[in-house]
């Protein structure tokens, strides 16, 4: 189960990078703080929205004040904690309506 959750999170990060074709500026201190402050549920919802429309990844991230790099950082932080990873997966499943197994 943990491997499936981690695979899902890293897949989302990959979709984010593929969806963002333009060169992005370096992450600012404010964006780094937002990456830390985003909840696993918000991250899961955002990941599901990016999966549903990868072409809008950059726009969806910027709505939350995130860049691809800060999003990846947040994914890594969530994946390090089992409870947070489950909360992320539950939110992802709720938005997508499917089980988060990859």
PDB file of N, CA and C in Angstrom:
ATOM      1  N   UNK A   1       0.828  -1.188   0.000  1.00  0.00           N
ATOM      2  CA  UNK A   1       0.000   0.000   0.000  1.00  0.00           C
ATOM      3  C   UNK A   1       0.874   1.253   0.000  1.00  0.00           C
ATOM      4  N   UNK A   2       1.906   1.277   0.861  1.00  0.00           N
ATOM      5  CA  UNK A   2       2.789   2.447   0.929  1.00  0.00           C
ATOM      6  C   UNK A   2       3.497   2.660  -0.410  1.00  0.00           C
ATOM      7  N   UNK A   3       3.914   1.581  -1.030  1.00  0.00           N
ATOM      8  CA  UNK A   3       4.592   1.701  -2.320  1.00  0.00           C
ATOM      9  C   UNK A   3       3.646   2.282  -3.368  1.00  0.00           C
ATOM     10  N   UNK A   4       2.386   1.873  -3.336  1.00  0.00           N
ATOM     11  CA  UNK A   4       1.412   2.397  -4.293  1.00  0.00           C
ATOM     12  C   UNK A   4       1.178   3.880  -4.075  1.00  0.00           C
ATOM     13  N   UNK A   5       1.118   4.298  -2.821  1.00  0.00           N
ATOM     14  CA  UNK A   5       0.912   5.717  -2.517  1.00  0.00           C
ATOM     15  C   UNK A   5       2.111   6.531  -2.982  1.00  0.00           C
ATOM     16  N   UNK A   6       3.306   6.037  -2.692  1.00  0.00           N
ATOM     17  CA  UNK A   6       4.512   6.748  -3.109  1.00  0.00           C
ATOM     18  C   UNK A   6       4.604   6.814  -4.629  1.00  0.00           C
ATOM     19  N   UNK A   7       4.275   5.724  -5.295  1.00  0.00           N
ATOM     20  CA  UNK A   7       4.303   5.709  -6.754  1.00  0.00           C
ATOM     21  C   UNK A   7       3.324   6.728  -7.311  1.00  0.00           C
ATOM     22  N   UNK A   8       2.143   6.803  -6.718  1.00  0.00           N
ATOM     23  CA  UNK A   8       1.142   7.769  -7.159  1.00  0.00           C
ATOM     24  C   UNK A   8       1.646   9.194  -6.984  1.00  0.00           C
ATOM     25  N   UNK A   9       2.244   9.472  -5.825  1.00  0.00           N
ATOM     26  CA  UNK A   9       2.733  10.825  -5.574  1.00  0.00           C
ATOM     27  C   UNK A   9       3.846  11.206  -6.542  1.00  0.00           C
ATOM     28  N   UNK A  10       4.771  10.294  -6.800  1.00  0.00           N
ATOM     29  CA  UNK A  10       5.857  10.608  -7.719  1.00  0.00           C
ATOM     30  C   UNK A  10       5.359  10.702  -9.156  1.00  0.00           C
ATOM     31  N   UNK A  11       4.332   9.946  -9.503  1.00  0.00           N
ATOM     32  CA  UNK A  11       3.723  10.060 -10.824  1.00  0.00           C
ATOM     33  C   UNK A  11       3.115  11.443 -10.998  1.00  0.00           C
ATOM     34  N   UNK A  12       2.443  11.916  -9.967  1.00  0.00           N
ATOM     35  CA  UNK A  12       1.870  13.267 -10.026  1.00  0.00           C
ATOM     36  C   UNK A  12       2.956  14.316 -10.197  1.00  0.00           C
ATOM     37  N   UNK A  13       4.052  14.142  -9.495  1.00  0.00           N
ATOM     38  CA  UNK A  13       5.153  15.083  -9.632  1.00  0.00           C
ATOM     39  C   UNK A  13       5.686  15.071 -11.058  1.00  0.00           C
ATOM     40  N   UNK A  14       5.757  13.895 -11.661  1.00  0.00           N
ATOM     41  CA  UNK A  14       6.211  13.781 -13.041  1.00  0.00           C
ATOM     42  C   UNK A  14       5.240  14.476 -13.980  1.00  0.00           C
ATOM     43  N   UNK A  15       3.928  14.270 -13.781  1.00  0.00           N
ATOM     44  CA  UNK A  15       2.938  14.958 -14.603  1.00  0.00           C
ATOM     45  C   UNK A  15       3.097  16.475 -14.488  1.00  0.00           C
ATOM     46  N   UNK A  16       3.403  16.921 -13.312  1.00  0.00           N
ATOM     47  CA  UNK A  16       3.593  18.354 -13.095  1.00  0.00           C
ATOM     48  C   UNK A  16       4.768  18.864 -13.906  1.00  0.00           C
ATOM     49  N   UNK A  17       5.863  18.133 -13.878  1.00  0.00           N
ATOM     50  CA  UNK A  17       7.037  18.567 -14.631  1.00  0.00           C
ATOM     51  C   UNK A  17       6.790  18.532 -16.126  1.00  0.00           C
ATOM     52  N   UNK A  18       6.097  17.522 -16.604  1.00  0.00           N
ATOM     53  CA  UNK A  18       5.798  17.412 -18.027  1.00  0.00           C
ATOM     54  C   UNK A  18       4.846  18.522 -18.450  1.00  0.00           C
ATOM     55  N   UNK A  19       3.884  18.828 -17.602  1.00  0.00           N
ATOM     56  CA  UNK A  19       2.902  19.863 -17.911  1.00  0.00           C
ATOM     57  C   UNK A  19       3.479  21.257 -17.905  1.00  0.00           C
ATOM     58  N   UNK A  20       4.590  21.457 -17.239  1.00  0.00           N
ATOM     59  CA  UNK A  20       5.215  22.782 -17.143  1.00  0.00           C
ATOM     60  C   UNK A  20       6.369  22.850 -18.124  1.00  0.00           C
ATOM     61  N   UNK A  21       6.125  23.400 -19.287  1.00  0.00           N
ATOM     62  CA  UNK A  21       7.164  23.416 -20.303  1.00  0.00           C
ATOM     63  C   UNK A  21       8.049  24.658 -20.239  1.00  0.00           C
ATOM     64  N   UNK A  22       7.561  25.740 -19.668  1.00  0.00           N
ATOM     65  CA  UNK A  22       8.331  26.986 -19.608  1.00  0.00           C
ATOM     66  C   UNK A  22       9.345  26.939 -18.469  1.00  0.00           C
ATOM     67  N   UNK A  23      10.421  27.682 -18.638  1.00  0.00           N
ATOM     68  CA  UNK A  23      11.421  27.806 -17.572  1.00  0.00           C
ATOM     69  C   UNK A  23      10.791  28.562 -16.423  1.00  0.00           C
ATOM     70  N   UNK A  24      10.917  28.043 -15.212  1.00  0.00           N
ATOM     71  CA  UNK A  24      10.284  28.665 -14.059  1.00  0.00           C
ATOM     72  C   UNK A  24      11.332  29.359 -13.202  1.00  0.00           C
ATOM     73  N   UNK A  25      10.939  30.478 -12.577  1.00  0.00           N
ATOM     74  CA  UNK A  25      11.876  31.155 -11.698  1.00  0.00           C
ATOM     75  C   UNK A  25      12.159  30.327 -10.461  1.00  0.00           C
ATOM     76  N   UNK A  26      13.251  30.653  -9.782  1.00  0.00           N
ATOM     77  CA  UNK A  26      13.601  29.939  -8.555  1.00  0.00           C
ATOM     78  C   UNK A  26      12.509  30.144  -7.509  1.00  0.00           C
ATOM     79  N   UNK A  27      12.361  29.165  -6.638  1.00  0.00           N
ATOM     80  CA  UNK A  27      11.347  29.230  -5.603  1.00  0.00           C
ATOM     81  C   UNK A  27      11.701  30.338  -4.611  1.00  0.00           C
ATOM     82  N   UNK A  28      10.719  31.184  -4.327  1.00  0.00           N
ATOM     83  CA  UNK A  28      10.938  32.246  -3.364  1.00  0.00           C
ATOM     84  C   UNK A  28      10.708  31.722  -1.963  1.00  0.00           C
ATOM     85  N   UNK A  29      11.099  32.505  -0.967  1.00  0.00           N
ATOM     86  CA  UNK A  29      10.913  32.098   0.422  1.00  0.00           C
ATOM     87  C   UNK A  29       9.430  31.914   0.741  1.00  0.00           C
ATOM     88  N   UNK A  30       8.573  32.795   0.215  1.00  0.00           N
ATOM     89  CA  UNK A  30       7.132  32.694   0.448  1.00  0.00           C
ATOM     90  C   UNK A  30       6.583  31.401  -0.140  1.00  0.00           C
ATOM     91  N   UNK A  31       7.006  31.060  -1.352  1.00  0.00           N
ATOM     92  CA  UNK A  31       6.538  29.826  -1.966  1.00  0.00           C
ATOM     93  C   UNK A  31       7.013  28.610  -1.187  1.00  0.00           C
ATOM     94  N   UNK A  32       8.206  28.644  -0.656  1.00  0.00           N
ATOM     95  CA  UNK A  32       8.717  27.537   0.145  1.00  0.00           C
ATOM     96  C   UNK A  32       7.874  27.367   1.397  1.00  0.00           C
ATOM     97  N   UNK A  33       7.479  28.481   2.022  1.00  0.00           N
ATOM     98  CA  UNK A  33       6.633  28.407   3.203  1.00  0.00           C
ATOM     99  C   UNK A  33       5.274  27.812   2.864  1.00  0.00           C
ATOM    100  N   UNK A  34       4.703  28.194   1.711  1.00  0.00           N
ATOM    101  CA  UNK A  34       3.413  27.656   1.311  1.00  0.00           C
ATOM    102  C   UNK A  34       3.492  26.149   1.086  1.00  0.00           C
ATOM    103  N   UNK A  35       4.614  25.697   0.526  1.00  0.00           N
ATOM    104  CA  UNK A  35       4.769  24.268   0.288  1.00  0.00           C
ATOM    105  C   UNK A  35       4.725  23.504   1.600  1.00  0.00           C
ATOM    106  N   UNK A  36       5.267  24.082   2.644  1.00  0.00           N
ATOM    107  CA  UNK A  36       5.271  23.444   3.951  1.00  0.00           C
ATOM    108  C   UNK A  36       3.876  23.504   4.573  1.00  0.00           C
ATOM    109  N   UNK A  37       3.143  24.599   4.328  1.00  0.00           N
ATOM    110  CA  UNK A  37       1.853  24.820   4.955  1.00  0.00           C
ATOM    111  C   UNK A  37       0.686  24.104   4.275  1.00  0.00           C
ATOM    112  N   UNK A  38       0.848  23.607   3.089  1.00  0.00           N
ATOM    113  CA  UNK A  38      -0.256  22.947   2.388  1.00  0.00           C
ATOM    114  C   UNK A  38      -0.534  21.601   3.060  1.00  0.00           C
ATOM    115  N   UNK A  39      -1.794  21.327   3.304  1.00  0.00           N
ATOM    116  CA  UNK A  39      -2.157  20.088   3.986  1.00  0.00           C
ATOM    117  C   UNK A  39      -2.103  18.916   3.017  1.00  0.00           C
ATOM    118  N   UNK A  40      -1.989  17.696   3.530  1.00  0.00           N
ATOM    119  CA  UNK A  40      -2.009  16.532   2.651  1.00  0.00           C
ATOM    120  C   UNK A  40      -3.307  16.454   1.841  1.00  0.00           C
ATOM    121  N   UNK A  41      -4.422  16.862   2.463  1.00  0.00           N
ATOM    122  CA  UNK A  41      -5.702  16.840   1.747  1.00  0.00           C
ATOM    123  C   UNK A  41      -5.698  17.832   0.580  1.00  0.00           C
ATOM    124  N   UNK A  42      -5.187  19.041   0.828  1.00  0.00           N
ATOM    125  CA  UNK A  42      -5.113  20.038  -0.237  1.00  0.00           C
ATOM    126  C   UNK A  42      -4.162  19.575  -1.342  1.00  0.00           C
ATOM    127  N   UNK A  43      -3.086  18.947  -0.948  1.00  0.00           N
ATOM    128  CA  UNK A  43      -2.116  18.431  -1.906  1.00  0.00           C
ATOM    129  C   UNK A  43      -2.734  17.320  -2.755  1.00  0.00           C
ATOM    130  N   UNK A  44      -3.520  16.444  -2.123  1.00  0.00           N
ATOM    131  CA  UNK A  44      -4.197  15.377  -2.860  1.00  0.00           C
ATOM    132  C   UNK A  44      -5.209  15.920  -3.849  1.00  0.00           C
ATOM    133  N   UNK A  45      -5.984  16.911  -3.415  1.00  0.00           N
ATOM    134  CA  UNK A  45      -6.959  17.532  -4.307  1.00  0.00           C
ATOM    135  C   UNK A  45      -6.261  18.197  -5.496  1.00  0.00           C
ATOM    136  N   UNK A  46      -5.180  18.905  -5.210  1.00  0.00           N
ATOM    137  CA  UNK A  46      -4.416  19.558  -6.269  1.00  0.00           C
ATOM    138  C   UNK A  46      -3.838  18.522  -7.228  1.00  0.00           C
ATOM    139  N   UNK A  47      -3.286  17.440  -6.687  1.00  0.00           N
ATOM    140  CA  UNK A  47      -2.729  16.381  -7.531  1.00  0.00           C
ATOM    141  C   UNK A  47      -3.774  15.765  -8.442  1.00  0.00           C
ATOM    142  N   UNK A  48      -4.972  15.552  -7.924  1.00  0.00           N
ATOM    143  CA  UNK A  48      -6.050  14.981  -8.735  1.00  0.00           C
ATOM    144  C   UNK A  48      -6.444  15.946  -9.849  1.00  0.00           C
ATOM    145  N   UNK A  49      -6.512  17.229  -9.527  1.00  0.00           N
ATOM    146  CA  UNK A  49      -6.863  18.224 -10.547  1.00  0.00           C
ATOM    147  C   UNK A  49      -5.795  18.280 -11.636  1.00  0.00           C
ATOM    148  N   UNK A  50      -4.532  18.156 -11.250  1.00  0.00           N
ATOM    149  CA  UNK A  50      -3.447  18.154 -12.232  1.00  0.00           C
ATOM    150  C   UNK A  50      -3.522  16.897 -13.095  1.00  0.00           C
ATOM    151  N   UNK A  51      -3.812  15.774 -12.483  1.00  0.00           N
ATOM    152  CA  UNK A  51      -3.959  14.527 -13.250  1.00  0.00           C
ATOM    153  C   UNK A  51      -5.083  14.623 -14.259  1.00  0.00           C
ATOM    154  N   UNK A  52      -6.192  15.270 -13.863  1.00  0.00           N
ATOM    155  CA  UNK A  52      -7.352  15.396 -14.744  1.00  0.00           C
ATOM    156  C   UNK A  52      -7.074  16.332 -15.915  1.00  0.00           C
ATOM    157  N   UNK A  53      -6.217  17.315 -15.721  1.00  0.00           N
ATOM    158  CA  UNK A  53      -5.926  18.287 -16.775  1.00  0.00           C
ATOM    159  C   UNK A  53      -4.456  18.714 -16.711  1.00  0.00           C
ATOM    160  N   UNK A  54      -3.537  17.825 -17.129  1.00  0.00           N
ATOM    161  CA  UNK A  54      -2.100  18.103 -17.020  1.00  0.00           C
ATOM    162  C   UNK A  54      -1.656  19.372 -17.764  1.00  0.00           C
ATOM    163  N   UNK A  55      -2.368  19.752 -18.791  1.00  0.00           N
ATOM    164  CA  UNK A  55      -1.996  20.947 -19.542  1.00  0.00           C
ATOM    165  C   UNK A  55      -2.146  22.212 -18.691  1.00  0.00           C
ATOM    166  N   UNK A  56      -2.963  22.151 -17.646  1.00  0.00           N
ATOM    167  CA  UNK A  56      -3.188  23.300 -16.768  1.00  0.00           C
ATOM    168  C   UNK A  56      -2.343  23.215 -15.489  1.00  0.00           C
ATOM    169  N   UNK A  57      -1.377  22.329 -15.451  1.00  0.00           N
ATOM    170  CA  UNK A  57      -0.586  22.106 -14.231  1.00  0.00           C
ATOM    171  C   UNK A  57       0.019  23.393 -13.690  1.00  0.00           C
ATOM    172  N   UNK A  58       0.661  24.157 -14.539  1.00  0.00           N
ATOM    173  CA  UNK A  58       1.307  25.389 -14.088  1.00  0.00           C
ATOM    174  C   UNK A  58       0.277  26.363 -13.512  1.00  0.00           C
ATOM    175  N   UNK A  59      -0.845  26.501 -14.179  1.00  0.00           N
ATOM    176  CA  UNK A  59      -1.909  27.394 -13.700  1.00  0.00           C
ATOM    177  C   UNK A  59      -2.460  26.931 -12.355  1.00  0.00           C
ATOM    178  N   UNK A  60      -2.724  25.623 -12.236  1.00  0.00           N
ATOM    179  CA  UNK A  60      -3.262  25.084 -10.991  1.00  0.00           C
ATOM    180  C   UNK A  60      -2.285  25.268  -9.836  1.00  0.00           C
ATOM    181  N   UNK A  61      -1.010  25.056 -10.108  1.00  0.00           N
ATOM    182  CA  UNK A  61       0.005  25.254  -9.076  1.00  0.00           C
ATOM    183  C   UNK A  61       0.093  26.719  -8.662  1.00  0.00           C
ATOM    184  N   UNK A  62       0.091  27.610  -9.639  1.00  0.00           N
ATOM    185  CA  UNK A  62       0.230  29.027  -9.316  1.00  0.00           C
ATOM    186  C   UNK A  62      -0.975  29.551  -8.543  1.00  0.00           C
ATOM    187  N   UNK A  63      -2.142  28.954  -8.741  1.00  0.00           N
ATOM    188  CA  UNK A  63      -3.321  29.345  -7.958  1.00  0.00           C
ATOM    189  C   UNK A  63      -3.083  29.114  -6.464  1.00  0.00           C
ATOM    190  N   UNK A  64      -2.262  28.126  -6.151  1.00  0.00           N
ATOM    191  CA  UNK A  64      -1.917  27.819  -4.760  1.00  0.00           C
ATOM    192  C   UNK A  64      -0.607  28.470  -4.332  1.00  0.00           C
ATOM    193  N   UNK A  65      -0.011  29.248  -5.249  1.00  0.00           N
ATOM    194  CA  UNK A  65       1.259  29.895  -4.928  1.00  0.00           C
ATOM    195  C   UNK A  65       2.425  28.939  -4.969  1.00  0.00           C
ATOM    196  N   UNK A  66       2.300  27.866  -5.744  1.00  0.00           N
ATOM    197  CA  UNK A  66       3.339  26.843  -5.824  1.00  0.00           C
ATOM    198  C   UNK A  66       4.004  26.840  -7.188  1.00  0.00           C
ATOM    199  N   UNK A  67       5.208  26.314  -7.215  1.00  0.00           N
ATOM    200  CA  UNK A  67       5.907  26.018  -8.461  1.00  0.00           C
ATOM    201  C   UNK A  67       6.032  24.494  -8.535  1.00  0.00           C
ATOM    202  N   UNK A  68       6.525  23.994  -9.645  1.00  0.00           N
ATOM    203  CA  UNK A  68       6.746  22.552  -9.750  1.00  0.00           C
ATOM    204  C   UNK A  68       7.692  22.078  -8.649  1.00  0.00           C
ATOM    205  N   UNK A  69       8.723  22.888  -8.368  1.00  0.00           N
ATOM    206  CA  UNK A  69       9.702  22.508  -7.354  1.00  0.00           C
ATOM    207  C   UNK A  69       9.088  22.479  -5.953  1.00  0.00           C
ATOM    208  N   UNK A  70       8.299  23.507  -5.615  1.00  0.00           N
ATOM    209  CA  UNK A  70       7.705  23.530  -4.279  1.00  0.00           C
ATOM    210  C   UNK A  70       6.641  22.446  -4.133  1.00  0.00           C
ATOM    211  N   UNK A  71       5.968  22.121  -5.235  1.00  0.00           N
ATOM    212  CA  UNK A  71       4.984  21.039  -5.221  1.00  0.00           C
ATOM    213  C   UNK A  71       5.685  19.706  -4.959  1.00  0.00           C
ATOM    214  N   UNK A  72       6.779  19.478  -5.640  1.00  0.00           N
ATOM    215  CA  UNK A  72       7.543  18.248  -5.436  1.00  0.00           C
ATOM    216  C   UNK A  72       8.049  18.151  -3.997  1.00  0.00           C
ATOM    217  N   UNK A  73       8.501  19.282  -3.456  1.00  0.00           N
ATOM    218  CA  UNK A  73       8.977  19.309  -2.074  1.00  0.00           C
ATOM    219  C   UNK A  73       7.834  18.896  -1.132  1.00  0.00           C
ATOM    220  N   UNK A  74       6.662  19.443  -1.360  1.00  0.00           N
ATOM    221  CA  UNK A  74       5.507  19.117  -0.518  1.00  0.00           C
ATOM    222  C   UNK A  74       5.157  17.637  -0.641  1.00  0.00           C
ATOM    223  N   UNK A  75       5.223  17.089  -1.855  1.00  0.00           N
ATOM    224  CA  UNK A  75       4.952  15.661  -2.078  1.00  0.00           C
ATOM    225  C   UNK A  75       5.951  14.822  -1.286  1.00  0.00           C
ATOM    226  N   UNK A  76       7.224  15.198  -1.346  1.00  0.00           N
ATOM    227  CA  UNK A  76       8.245  14.445  -0.609  1.00  0.00           C
ATOM    228  C   UNK A  76       7.975  14.474   0.893  1.00  0.00           C
ATOM    229  N   UNK A  77       7.625  15.644   1.411  1.00  0.00           N
ATOM    230  CA  UNK A  77       7.354  15.770   2.839  1.00  0.00           C
ATOM    231  C   UNK A  77       6.166  14.902   3.259  1.00  0.00           C
ATOM    232  N   UNK A  78       5.117  14.898   2.460  1.00  0.00           N
ATOM    233  CA  UNK A  78       3.934  14.094   2.768  1.00  0.00           C
ATOM    234  C   UNK A  78       4.276  12.607   2.713  1.00  0.00           C
ATOM    235  N   UNK A  79       5.089  12.215   1.751  1.00  0.00           N
ATOM    236  CA  UNK A  79       5.406  10.795   1.584  1.00  0.00           C
ATOM    237  C   UNK A  79       6.265  10.245   2.723  1.00  0.00           C
ATOM    238  N   UNK A  80       6.899  11.119   3.482  1.00  0.00           N
ATOM    239  CA  UNK A  80       7.749  10.676   4.585  1.00  0.00           C
ATOM    240  C   UNK A  80       6.962  10.270   5.831  1.00  0.00           C
ATOM    241  N   UNK A  81       5.696  10.626   5.886  1.00  0.00           N
ATOM    242  CA  UNK A  81       4.866  10.326   7.046  1.00  0.00           C
ATOM    243  C   UNK A  81       3.681   9.466   6.604  1.00  0.00           C
ATOM    244  N   UNK A  82       3.549   8.279   7.185  1.00  0.00           N
ATOM    245  CA  UNK A  82       2.498   7.346   6.785  1.00  0.00           C
ATOM    246  C   UNK A  82       1.096   7.919   6.910  1.00  0.00           C
ATOM    247  N   UNK A  83       0.806   8.625   8.012  1.00  0.00           N
ATOM    248  CA  UNK A  83      -0.517   9.207   8.200  1.00  0.00           C
ATOM    249  C   UNK A  83      -0.794  10.282   7.154  1.00  0.00           C
ATOM    250  N   UNK A  84       0.183  11.127   6.903  1.00  0.00           N
ATOM    251  CA  UNK A  84       0.019  12.178   5.892  1.00  0.00           C
ATOM    252  C   UNK A  84      -0.163  11.571   4.506  1.00  0.00           C
ATOM    253  N   UNK A  85       0.582  10.522   4.209  1.00  0.00           N
ATOM    254  CA  UNK A  85       0.459   9.853   2.909  1.00  0.00           C
ATOM    255  C   UNK A  85      -0.937   9.265   2.730  1.00  0.00           C
ATOM    256  N   UNK A  86      -1.501   8.696   3.793  1.00  0.00           N
ATOM    257  CA  UNK A  86      -2.873   8.162   3.711  1.00  0.00           C
ATOM    258  C   UNK A  86      -3.886   9.275   3.508  1.00  0.00           C
ATOM    259  N   UNK A  87      -3.701  10.393   4.218  1.00  0.00           N
ATOM    260  CA  UNK A  87      -4.610  11.527   4.064  1.00  0.00           C
ATOM    261  C   UNK A  87      -4.546  12.067   2.636  1.00  0.00           C
ATOM    262  N   UNK A  88      -3.338  12.122   2.081  1.00  0.00           N
ATOM    263  CA  UNK A  88      -3.149  12.555   0.694  1.00  0.00           C
ATOM    264  C   UNK A  88      -3.883  11.607  -0.264  1.00  0.00           C
ATOM    265  N   UNK A  89      -3.668  10.319  -0.074  1.00  0.00           N
ATOM    266  CA  UNK A  89      -4.278   9.319  -0.956  1.00  0.00           C
ATOM    267  C   UNK A  89      -5.800   9.359  -0.862  1.00  0.00           C
ATOM    268  N   UNK A  90      -6.331   9.541   0.341  1.00  0.00           N
ATOM    269  CA  UNK A  90      -7.779   9.622   0.520  1.00  0.00           C
ATOM    270  C   UNK A  90      -8.356  10.827  -0.226  1.00  0.00           C
ATOM    271  N   UNK A  91      -7.671  11.965  -0.144  1.00  0.00           N
ATOM    272  CA  UNK A  91      -8.136  13.168  -0.845  1.00  0.00           C
ATOM    273  C   UNK A  91      -8.049  12.979  -2.355  1.00  0.00           C
ATOM    274  N   UNK A  92      -6.973  12.367  -2.812  1.00  0.00           N
ATOM    275  CA  UNK A  92      -6.810  12.084  -4.235  1.00  0.00           C
ATOM    276  C   UNK A  92      -7.944  11.193  -4.726  1.00  0.00           C
ATOM    277  N   UNK A  93      -8.236  10.152  -3.962  1.00  0.00           N
ATOM    278  CA  UNK A  93      -9.307   9.220  -4.316  1.00  0.00           C
ATOM    279  C   UNK A  93     -10.663   9.906  -4.318  1.00  0.00           C
ATOM    280  N   UNK A  94     -10.890  10.794  -3.353  1.00  0.00           N
ATOM    281  CA  UNK A  94     -12.179  11.482  -3.257  1.00  0.00           C
ATOM    282  C   UNK A  94     -12.439  12.348  -4.494  1.00  0.00           C
ATOM    283  N   UNK A  95     -11.410  12.998  -4.992  1.00  0.00           N
ATOM    284  CA  UNK A  95     -11.563  13.864  -6.161  1.00  0.00           C
ATOM    285  C   UNK A  95     -11.666  13.030  -7.440  1.00  0.00           C
ATOM    286  N   UNK A  96     -10.815  12.019  -7.554  1.00  0.00           N
ATOM    287  CA  UNK A  96     -10.799  11.202  -8.764  1.00  0.00           C
ATOM    288  C   UNK A  96     -11.912  10.158  -8.788  1.00  0.00           C
ATOM    289  N   UNK A  97     -12.348   9.758  -7.608  1.00  0.00           N
ATOM    290  CA  UNK A  97     -13.373   8.729  -7.537  1.00  0.00           C
ATOM    291  C   UNK A  97     -12.854   7.333  -7.823  1.00  0.00           C
ATOM    292  N   UNK A  98     -11.532   7.153  -7.693  1.00  0.00           N
ATOM    293  CA  UNK A  98     -10.925   5.844  -7.921  1.00  0.00           C
ATOM    294  C   UNK A  98      -9.953   5.541  -6.800  1.00  0.00           C
ATOM    295  N   UNK A  99      -9.516   4.311  -6.731  1.00  0.00           N
ATOM    296  CA  UNK A  99      -8.516   3.912  -5.757  1.00  0.00           C
ATOM    297  C   UNK A  99      -7.152   4.405  -6.217  1.00  0.00           C
ATOM    298  N   UNK A 100      -6.310   4.931  -5.305  1.00  0.00           N
ATOM    299  CA  UNK A 100      -5.021   5.491  -5.704  1.00  0.00           C
ATOM    300  C   UNK A 100      -3.933   4.459  -5.923  1.00  0.00           C
ATOM    301  N   UNK A 101      -4.238   3.320  -6.474  1.00  0.00           N
ATOM    302  CA  UNK A 101      -3.197   2.331  -6.748  1.00  0.00           C
ATOM    303  C   UNK A 101      -2.686   2.498  -8.161  1.00  0.00           C
ATOM    304  N   UNK A 102      -1.362   2.401  -8.312  1.00  0.00           N
ATOM    305  CA  UNK A 102      -0.746   2.565  -9.639  1.00  0.00           C
ATOM    306  C   UNK A 102       0.061   1.341  -9.932  1.00  0.00           C
TER     307      UNK A 102
END
